[in-house]
Amino acid sequence: MPKLITIHTGDLHLTDLKPKARVDEEDWLGVQMEKLQWMKRLCEEHKVPLIVGGDVFDKTTLTFSFLNKLKNCFPEDSYCLLGNHDEVGNNTQAYEKSVWYTGALMGLYTGIYDAEMRAFGDVSFGFIPATNTEEEFLEFAHKVDSSDVIVMHRFIFGDDSKVFNSELYKTHCIAYYRELFPKVSVIIGSDNHRSIIDEKTRPYIYNCGMPIRDNADLVDYSPVVFFLYDNMTCVPVSVPIENDKITDRHIKKEKEEKEKNKAFIRTLQEASDIRLSFVDNLRKRIKEAPECYDFIKTQYNTIKGKVVL
């Protein structure tokens, strides 16, 4: 029977600011802590470490009070890569100024900010944290390309990606990583907020995805963590989401507002009198359609500043 080696996640994006998509949550910090404690229980139950593939935090500055509340949320044996959201000013060398580094100093987890190799049981792991350039990524990759498993904070585009023809896709697609790491058995990425499983050929490629959904485009997404076994396969395990309160209604509202704005502009264009000023045209429109007064006033104030119509 295959033996469980590690549990993997990524893109926690822990923050003290409640996202618009989670506006209905009464205790956003509590929601994040609950997900972390669920992962902690998994690790304790199976006696394996947790590996977070980067973007532990959503921003580089958070209070000590916030960090203190996370003290008992990470498993004792936790390893967190530096992610692009964890670095200061898009500079991986400035990690010592980040809340990510403070979290490591406080003992929340072991921080990994450079390319390095570690062994868990008989399996060798190569870690590649966030990099600022492709050259730096390739340098890191060369240092760890003899590992059994690569864990990296690096975007992976799936085969269903809509950016096949872009230059970015060429260096972030599954085929690129397979060519780059021909001796590796498994590649586990993060930064893409949706999970990916590609086991067509070695190395098998997995992307962790985001376990704590914080964006409206994840409303229909079922998050997972990955169990990595010594037969070099990952098995997705569903994150509990039955109590999540996530919404996309703010996106729908924004779309409705945009449509109203377009209709408003069309109305003005169609009904405008070139002999009149912009404001006089608005007044004319209000007289013709008094029910539109509130909407026209709101739109005009938004664009031009407060005026008296």
Foldseek 3Di string as FASTA:
>chain_A
DWAFFEWEAEQQQDDPDAFPQQVVDPDPLVLSLVLLQVVQVVCVVRVYEYEYLENNHQAFDDDVVSLVVCQPRHHLAYEYEHECRQAPPLDLVRNCSGVLVVSCVVSSYPYDSAWDWDDGPNFIETEEHDDNDPVRSLVSCVVDLQGQEYRHAAAEDEPPDPPVPDPNNVCRYPVNVCVSRVNYQEYEYEPAQAWDWDVPDPNTYIYQHHLRDRDQVCPVGFHWMWGATPVNDTDTDTRDCPPGRGHDVVVVVVVVVVVVVVVVVVVLVVQPDVVDDPVVSVVVVCVVPVVCVVVSQVVCCVPPNHDDD
